[in-house]
């Protein structure tokens, strides 16, 4: 089990990592059966202090995806648990985490530039796919893993990191196919 594996690896590390994993997994419905073509993936990271205890911002993201028989990937649910120590303005922190999570989703699902004869081929947004409001699920931000440590660490960049790996892990659970490069839209993920 991917969750148990991570919890085992982190059992002697900073407690915030395990707390964030457990909370995101619980809120995402980890372990519940999913319909065919759906998967739940999880990933965790810290920015900018992954090698230090009680430092930086730990972010765990659990993502539920549905992959159509034609190979279209739709993110259905995102749950984010984090520990930046303390927060001064919960609404601002929630907005930063939601925005960074959506940015990470777009990077994973869509973003790429094409170089033709040394020039970028995409000239504007009509040629550069971006997530639209209809493509974005509600991003559930969970504050319960905050440790109350004496730090107010960054939240703007930290949530971007685990989104792509969580989507890749969810696709693997749904299809048994490992996606090892982005954008995911370049992969033939059709099934059935």
C-alpha atoms as a PDB file:
ATOM      1  CA  UNK A   1       0.000   0.000   0.000  1.00  0.00           C
ATOM      2  CA  UNK A   2       1.559   3.329  -1.056  1.00  0.00           C
ATOM      3  CA  UNK A   3       0.375   5.115   2.086  1.00  0.00           C
ATOM      4  CA  UNK A   4       1.664   2.454   4.475  1.00  0.00           C
ATOM      5  CA  UNK A   5       4.963   2.342   2.566  1.00  0.00           C
ATOM      6  CA  UNK A   6       5.490   6.082   3.010  1.00  0.00           C
ATOM      7  CA  UNK A   7       4.438   5.985   6.654  1.00  0.00           C
ATOM      8  CA  UNK A   8       6.948   3.192   7.250  1.00  0.00           C
ATOM      9  CA  UNK A   9       9.762   5.101   5.538  1.00  0.00           C
ATOM     10  CA  UNK A  10       8.990   8.241   7.566  1.00  0.00           C
ATOM     11  CA  UNK A  11       8.326   6.544  10.906  1.00  0.00           C
ATOM     12  CA  UNK A  12      11.539   7.912  12.450  1.00  0.00           C
ATOM     13  CA  UNK A  13      11.486  11.256  10.698  1.00  0.00           C
ATOM     14  CA  UNK A  14       9.739  14.556  11.415  1.00  0.00           C
ATOM     15  CA  UNK A  15       6.228  13.792  12.763  1.00  0.00           C
ATOM     16  CA  UNK A  16       4.713  16.466  10.490  1.00  0.00           C
ATOM     17  CA  UNK A  17       5.323  14.266   7.457  1.00  0.00           C
ATOM     18  CA  UNK A  18       3.355  11.337   8.896  1.00  0.00           C
ATOM     19  CA  UNK A  19       0.613  13.634  10.196  1.00  0.00           C
ATOM     20  CA  UNK A  20       0.167  15.221   6.772  1.00  0.00           C
ATOM     21  CA  UNK A  21       0.113  11.829   5.039  1.00  0.00           C
ATOM     22  CA  UNK A  22      -2.514  10.440   7.391  1.00  0.00           C
ATOM     23  CA  UNK A  23      -4.734  13.504   7.192  1.00  0.00           C
ATOM     24  CA  UNK A  24      -4.666  13.859   3.390  1.00  0.00           C
ATOM     25  CA  UNK A  25      -5.314  10.134   2.947  1.00  0.00           C
ATOM     26  CA  UNK A  26      -8.193  10.124   5.423  1.00  0.00           C
ATOM     27  CA  UNK A  27      -9.867  13.164   3.862  1.00  0.00           C
ATOM     28  CA  UNK A  28      -9.443  11.702   0.355  1.00  0.00           C
ATOM     29  CA  UNK A  29     -11.094   8.419   1.352  1.00  0.00           C
ATOM     30  CA  UNK A  30      -7.978   6.277   1.147  1.00  0.00           C
ATOM     31  CA  UNK A  31      -8.719   2.549   0.975  1.00  0.00           C
ATOM     32  CA  UNK A  32     -12.301   2.836  -0.291  1.00  0.00           C
ATOM     33  CA  UNK A  33     -13.068   0.945  -3.503  1.00  0.00           C
ATOM     34  CA  UNK A  34     -13.130   3.048  -6.681  1.00  0.00           C
ATOM     35  CA  UNK A  35     -14.890   2.491 -10.006  1.00  0.00           C
ATOM     36  CA  UNK A  36     -12.950   1.063 -12.933  1.00  0.00           C
ATOM     37  CA  UNK A  37     -10.724   3.696 -14.517  1.00  0.00           C
ATOM     38  CA  UNK A  38     -10.372   5.694 -11.298  1.00  0.00           C
ATOM     39  CA  UNK A  39      -7.408   5.893  -8.962  1.00  0.00           C
ATOM     40  CA  UNK A  40      -6.241   7.677  -5.846  1.00  0.00           C
ATOM     41  CA  UNK A  41      -2.611   8.758  -5.605  1.00  0.00           C
ATOM     42  CA  UNK A  42      -0.628  10.414  -2.851  1.00  0.00           C
ATOM     43  CA  UNK A  43       2.672  12.277  -2.687  1.00  0.00           C
ATOM     44  CA  UNK A  44       4.499  14.383  -0.101  1.00  0.00           C
ATOM     45  CA  UNK A  45       7.305  16.918  -0.154  1.00  0.00           C
ATOM     46  CA  UNK A  46       8.831  19.808   1.757  1.00  0.00           C
ATOM     47  CA  UNK A  47       9.914  23.183   0.478  1.00  0.00           C
ATOM     48  CA  UNK A  48      12.555  24.478   0.943  1.00  0.00           C
ATOM     49  CA  UNK A  49      13.941  22.366   3.796  1.00  0.00           C
ATOM     50  CA  UNK A  50      13.284  18.681   3.078  1.00  0.00           C
ATOM     51  CA  UNK A  51      16.404  17.505   4.900  1.00  0.00           C
ATOM     52  CA  UNK A  52      15.664  19.383   8.131  1.00  0.00           C
ATOM     53  CA  UNK A  53      13.232  18.566  10.903  1.00  0.00           C
ATOM     54  CA  UNK A  54      10.594  21.133  11.859  1.00  0.00           C
ATOM     55  CA  UNK A  55      11.573  23.413   8.986  1.00  0.00           C
ATOM     56  CA  UNK A  56      10.082  24.528   5.711  1.00  0.00           C
ATOM     57  CA  UNK A  57       6.568  23.560   4.691  1.00  0.00           C
ATOM     58  CA  UNK A  58       5.521  19.920   4.450  1.00  0.00           C
ATOM     59  CA  UNK A  59       2.734  19.374   1.913  1.00  0.00           C
ATOM     60  CA  UNK A  60       0.920  16.125   1.211  1.00  0.00           C
ATOM     61  CA  UNK A  61      -1.450  15.939  -1.734  1.00  0.00           C
ATOM     62  CA  UNK A  62      -3.937  13.156  -2.414  1.00  0.00           C
ATOM     63  CA  UNK A  63      -5.508  13.214  -5.882  1.00  0.00           C
ATOM     64  CA  UNK A  64      -8.387  11.182  -7.271  1.00  0.00           C
ATOM     65  CA  UNK A  65      -8.464  10.861 -11.051  1.00  0.00           C
ATOM     66  CA  UNK A  66     -10.750   9.290 -13.592  1.00  0.00           C
ATOM     67  CA  UNK A  67      -9.267   8.093 -16.881  1.00  0.00           C
ATOM     68  CA  UNK A  68     -11.802   7.670 -19.680  1.00  0.00           C
ATOM     69  CA  UNK A  69     -11.606   4.738 -22.079  1.00  0.00           C
ATOM     70  CA  UNK A  70     -10.276   7.219 -24.646  1.00  0.00           C
ATOM     71  CA  UNK A  71      -7.435   8.155 -22.266  1.00  0.00           C
ATOM     72  CA  UNK A  72      -8.642  11.561 -21.059  1.00  0.00           C
ATOM     73  CA  UNK A  73      -7.505  12.261 -17.491  1.00  0.00           C
ATOM     74  CA  UNK A  74      -9.862  14.208 -15.246  1.00  0.00           C
ATOM     75  CA  UNK A  75      -8.861  15.215 -11.745  1.00  0.00           C
ATOM     76  CA  UNK A  76     -11.960  14.639  -9.615  1.00  0.00           C
ATOM     77  CA  UNK A  77     -10.759  15.477  -6.108  1.00  0.00           C
ATOM     78  CA  UNK A  78      -7.726  17.026  -4.446  1.00  0.00           C
ATOM     79  CA  UNK A  79      -7.008  16.965  -0.718  1.00  0.00           C
ATOM     80  CA  UNK A  80      -4.033  18.874   0.657  1.00  0.00           C
ATOM     81  CA  UNK A  81      -2.673  18.623   4.198  1.00  0.00           C
ATOM     82  CA  UNK A  82       0.256  20.802   5.200  1.00  0.00           C
ATOM     83  CA  UNK A  83       2.438  21.998   8.045  1.00  0.00           C
ATOM     84  CA  UNK A  84       4.143  25.365   7.817  1.00  0.00           C
ATOM     85  CA  UNK A  85       4.312  25.694  11.602  1.00  0.00           C
ATOM     86  CA  UNK A  86       1.736  28.398  12.155  1.00  0.00           C
ATOM     87  CA  UNK A  87      -0.457  30.613  10.008  1.00  0.00           C
ATOM     88  CA  UNK A  88      -1.286  34.274  10.516  1.00  0.00           C
ATOM     89  CA  UNK A  89      -4.061  34.559   7.906  1.00  0.00           C
ATOM     90  CA  UNK A  90      -5.888  31.305   7.167  1.00  0.00           C
ATOM     91  CA  UNK A  91      -7.759  32.715   4.162  1.00  0.00           C
ATOM     92  CA  UNK A  92      -4.533  33.877   2.507  1.00  0.00           C
ATOM     93  CA  UNK A  93      -2.853  30.532   3.197  1.00  0.00           C
ATOM     94  CA  UNK A  94      -5.836  28.633   1.744  1.00  0.00           C
ATOM     95  CA  UNK A  95      -5.744  30.822  -1.398  1.00  0.00           C
ATOM     96  CA  UNK A  96      -1.989  30.279  -1.833  1.00  0.00           C
ATOM     97  CA  UNK A  97      -2.327  26.505  -1.460  1.00  0.00           C
ATOM     98  CA  UNK A  98      -5.304  26.328  -3.833  1.00  0.00           C
ATOM     99  CA  UNK A  99      -3.536  28.435  -6.476  1.00  0.00           C
ATOM    100  CA  UNK A 100      -0.262  26.532  -6.260  1.00  0.00           C
ATOM    101  CA  UNK A 101      -2.110  23.206  -6.429  1.00  0.00           C
ATOM    102  CA  UNK A 102      -3.952  24.290  -9.576  1.00  0.00           C
ATOM    103  CA  UNK A 103      -0.660  25.498 -11.059  1.00  0.00           C
ATOM    104  CA  UNK A 104       0.859  22.069 -10.335  1.00  0.00           C
ATOM    105  CA  UNK A 105      -2.146  20.373 -11.949  1.00  0.00           C
ATOM    106  CA  UNK A 106      -1.774  22.425 -15.123  1.00  0.00           C
ATOM    107  CA  UNK A 107       1.978  21.776 -15.271  1.00  0.00           C
ATOM    108  CA  UNK A 108       1.327  18.049 -14.995  1.00  0.00           C
ATOM    109  CA  UNK A 109      -1.628  17.730 -17.347  1.00  0.00           C
ATOM    110  CA  UNK A 110      -0.959  20.315 -20.050  1.00  0.00           C
ATOM    111  CA  UNK A 111       2.102  22.510 -20.050  1.00  0.00           C
ATOM    112  CA  UNK A 112       4.772  22.211 -22.711  1.00  0.00           C
ATOM    113  CA  UNK A 113       6.479  24.358 -25.289  1.00  0.00           C
ATOM    114  CA  UNK A 114       7.374  23.154 -28.770  1.00  0.00           C
ATOM    115  CA  UNK A 115      10.607  24.365 -30.357  1.00  0.00           C
ATOM    116  CA  UNK A 116      10.657  24.500 -34.175  1.00  0.00           C
ATOM    117  CA  UNK A 117      13.858  25.729 -35.861  1.00  0.00           C
ATOM    118  CA  UNK A 118      15.000  27.275 -32.592  1.00  0.00           C
ATOM    119  CA  UNK A 119      11.761  29.218 -32.052  1.00  0.00           C
ATOM    120  CA  UNK A 120       8.876  28.525 -29.686  1.00  0.00           C
ATOM    121  CA  UNK A 121       5.932  27.465 -31.870  1.00  0.00           C
ATOM    122  CA  UNK A 122       3.170  28.460 -29.447  1.00  0.00           C
ATOM    123  CA  UNK A 123       2.541  32.173 -29.947  1.00  0.00           C
ATOM    124  CA  UNK A 124      -0.238  32.759 -27.410  1.00  0.00           C
ATOM    125  CA  UNK A 125      -2.697  31.029 -25.103  1.00  0.00           C
ATOM    126  CA  UNK A 126      -4.847  29.729 -27.972  1.00  0.00           C
ATOM    127  CA  UNK A 127      -1.961  27.303 -28.661  1.00  0.00           C
ATOM    128  CA  UNK A 128      -0.944  26.722 -25.044  1.00  0.00           C
ATOM    129  CA  UNK A 129      -3.426  24.549 -23.153  1.00  0.00           C
ATOM    130  CA  UNK A 130      -4.417  25.802 -19.722  1.00  0.00           C
ATOM    131  CA  UNK A 131      -6.877  24.403 -17.222  1.00  0.00           C
ATOM    132  CA  UNK A 132     -10.230  26.112 -17.410  1.00  0.00           C
ATOM    133  CA  UNK A 133     -12.552  26.590 -14.467  1.00  0.00           C
ATOM    134  CA  UNK A 134     -14.626  23.603 -15.590  1.00  0.00           C
ATOM    135  CA  UNK A 135     -11.480  21.408 -15.448  1.00  0.00           C
ATOM    136  CA  UNK A 136     -10.571  22.280 -11.865  1.00  0.00           C
ATOM    137  CA  UNK A 137     -12.071  20.343  -8.960  1.00  0.00           C
ATOM    138  CA  UNK A 138     -12.521  21.832  -5.523  1.00  0.00           C
ATOM    139  CA  UNK A 139      -9.152  21.805  -3.792  1.00  0.00           C
ATOM    140  CA  UNK A 140      -9.785  20.762  -0.188  1.00  0.00           C
ATOM    141  CA  UNK A 141      -7.193  22.391   2.080  1.00  0.00           C
ATOM    142  CA  UNK A 142      -6.898  20.798   5.531  1.00  0.00           C
ATOM    143  CA  UNK A 143      -5.338  22.767   8.386  1.00  0.00           C
ATOM    144  CA  UNK A 144      -5.484  20.032  11.050  1.00  0.00           C
ATOM    145  CA  UNK A 145      -1.876  18.889  10.540  1.00  0.00           C
ATOM    146  CA  UNK A 146      -0.398  22.253  11.601  1.00  0.00           C
ATOM    147  CA  UNK A 147       2.175  21.542  14.309  1.00  0.00           C
ATOM    148  CA  UNK A 148       2.180  24.969  15.958  1.00  0.00           C
ATOM    149  CA  UNK A 149       5.977  25.094  15.658  1.00  0.00           C
ATOM    150  CA  UNK A 150       7.578  28.519  16.163  1.00  0.00           C
ATOM    151  CA  UNK A 151       7.779  29.180  12.423  1.00  0.00           C
ATOM    152  CA  UNK A 152       5.571  30.823   9.823  1.00  0.00           C
ATOM    153  CA  UNK A 153       7.002  29.193   6.716  1.00  0.00           C
ATOM    154  CA  UNK A 154       6.266  29.693   3.016  1.00  0.00           C
ATOM    155  CA  UNK A 155       3.100  28.333   1.416  1.00  0.00           C
ATOM    156  CA  UNK A 156       3.163  29.784  -2.111  1.00  0.00           C
ATOM    157  CA  UNK A 157       5.609  27.385  -3.766  1.00  0.00           C
ATOM    158  CA  UNK A 158       5.447  24.337  -1.513  1.00  0.00           C
ATOM    159  CA  UNK A 159       2.147  22.834  -2.799  1.00  0.00           C
ATOM    160  CA  UNK A 160       3.328  22.626  -6.424  1.00  0.00           C
ATOM    161  CA  UNK A 161       5.780  19.760  -5.829  1.00  0.00           C
ATOM    162  CA  UNK A 162       3.570  16.837  -4.788  1.00  0.00           C
ATOM    163  CA  UNK A 163       0.718  17.439  -7.274  1.00  0.00           C
ATOM    164  CA  UNK A 164       2.338  15.815 -10.331  1.00  0.00           C
ATOM    165  CA  UNK A 165       3.567  12.718  -8.485  1.00  0.00           C
ATOM    166  CA  UNK A 166       0.141  12.295  -6.840  1.00  0.00           C
ATOM    167  CA  UNK A 167      -1.560  12.467 -10.256  1.00  0.00           C
ATOM    168  CA  UNK A 168       0.948   9.973 -11.665  1.00  0.00           C
ATOM    169  CA  UNK A 169       0.364   7.618  -8.735  1.00  0.00           C
ATOM    170  CA  UNK A 170      -3.411   7.909  -9.189  1.00  0.00           C
ATOM    171  CA  UNK A 171      -3.114   7.061 -12.894  1.00  0.00           C
ATOM    172  CA  UNK A 172      -1.003   4.045 -11.954  1.00  0.00           C
ATOM    173  CA  UNK A 173      -3.635   2.868  -9.485  1.00  0.00           C
ATOM    174  CA  UNK A 174      -6.373   3.361 -12.096  1.00  0.00           C
ATOM    175  CA  UNK A 175      -4.640   1.709 -15.060  1.00  0.00           C
ATOM    176  CA  UNK A 176      -1.430   0.031 -13.939  1.00  0.00           C
ATOM    177  CA  UNK A 177       0.500   2.356 -16.281  1.00  0.00           C
ATOM    178  CA  UNK A 178       3.395   4.461 -14.976  1.00  0.00           C
ATOM    179  CA  UNK A 179       3.446   7.953 -16.445  1.00  0.00           C
ATOM    180  CA  UNK A 180       7.070   9.106 -16.293  1.00  0.00           C
ATOM    181  CA  UNK A 181       6.982  12.421 -18.125  1.00  0.00           C
ATOM    182  CA  UNK A 182       4.729  15.411 -18.492  1.00  0.00           C
ATOM    183  CA  UNK A 183       2.431  16.608 -19.817  1.00  0.00           C
ATOM    184  CA  UNK A 184       0.206  13.628 -19.114  1.00  0.00           C
ATOM    185  CA  UNK A 185      -1.843  14.533 -22.217  1.00  0.00           C
ATOM    186  CA  UNK A 186       1.010  13.244 -24.401  1.00  0.00           C
ATOM    187  CA  UNK A 187       0.518   9.691 -23.138  1.00  0.00           C
ATOM    188  CA  UNK A 188      -1.805   7.149 -24.740  1.00  0.00           C
ATOM    189  CA  UNK A 189      -3.799   6.117 -21.683  1.00  0.00           C
ATOM    190  CA  UNK A 190      -6.811   4.627 -23.450  1.00  0.00           C
ATOM    191  CA  UNK A 191      -8.137   1.361 -22.058  1.00  0.00           C
ATOM    192  CA  UNK A 192     -11.025  -1.041 -22.513  1.00  0.00           C
END
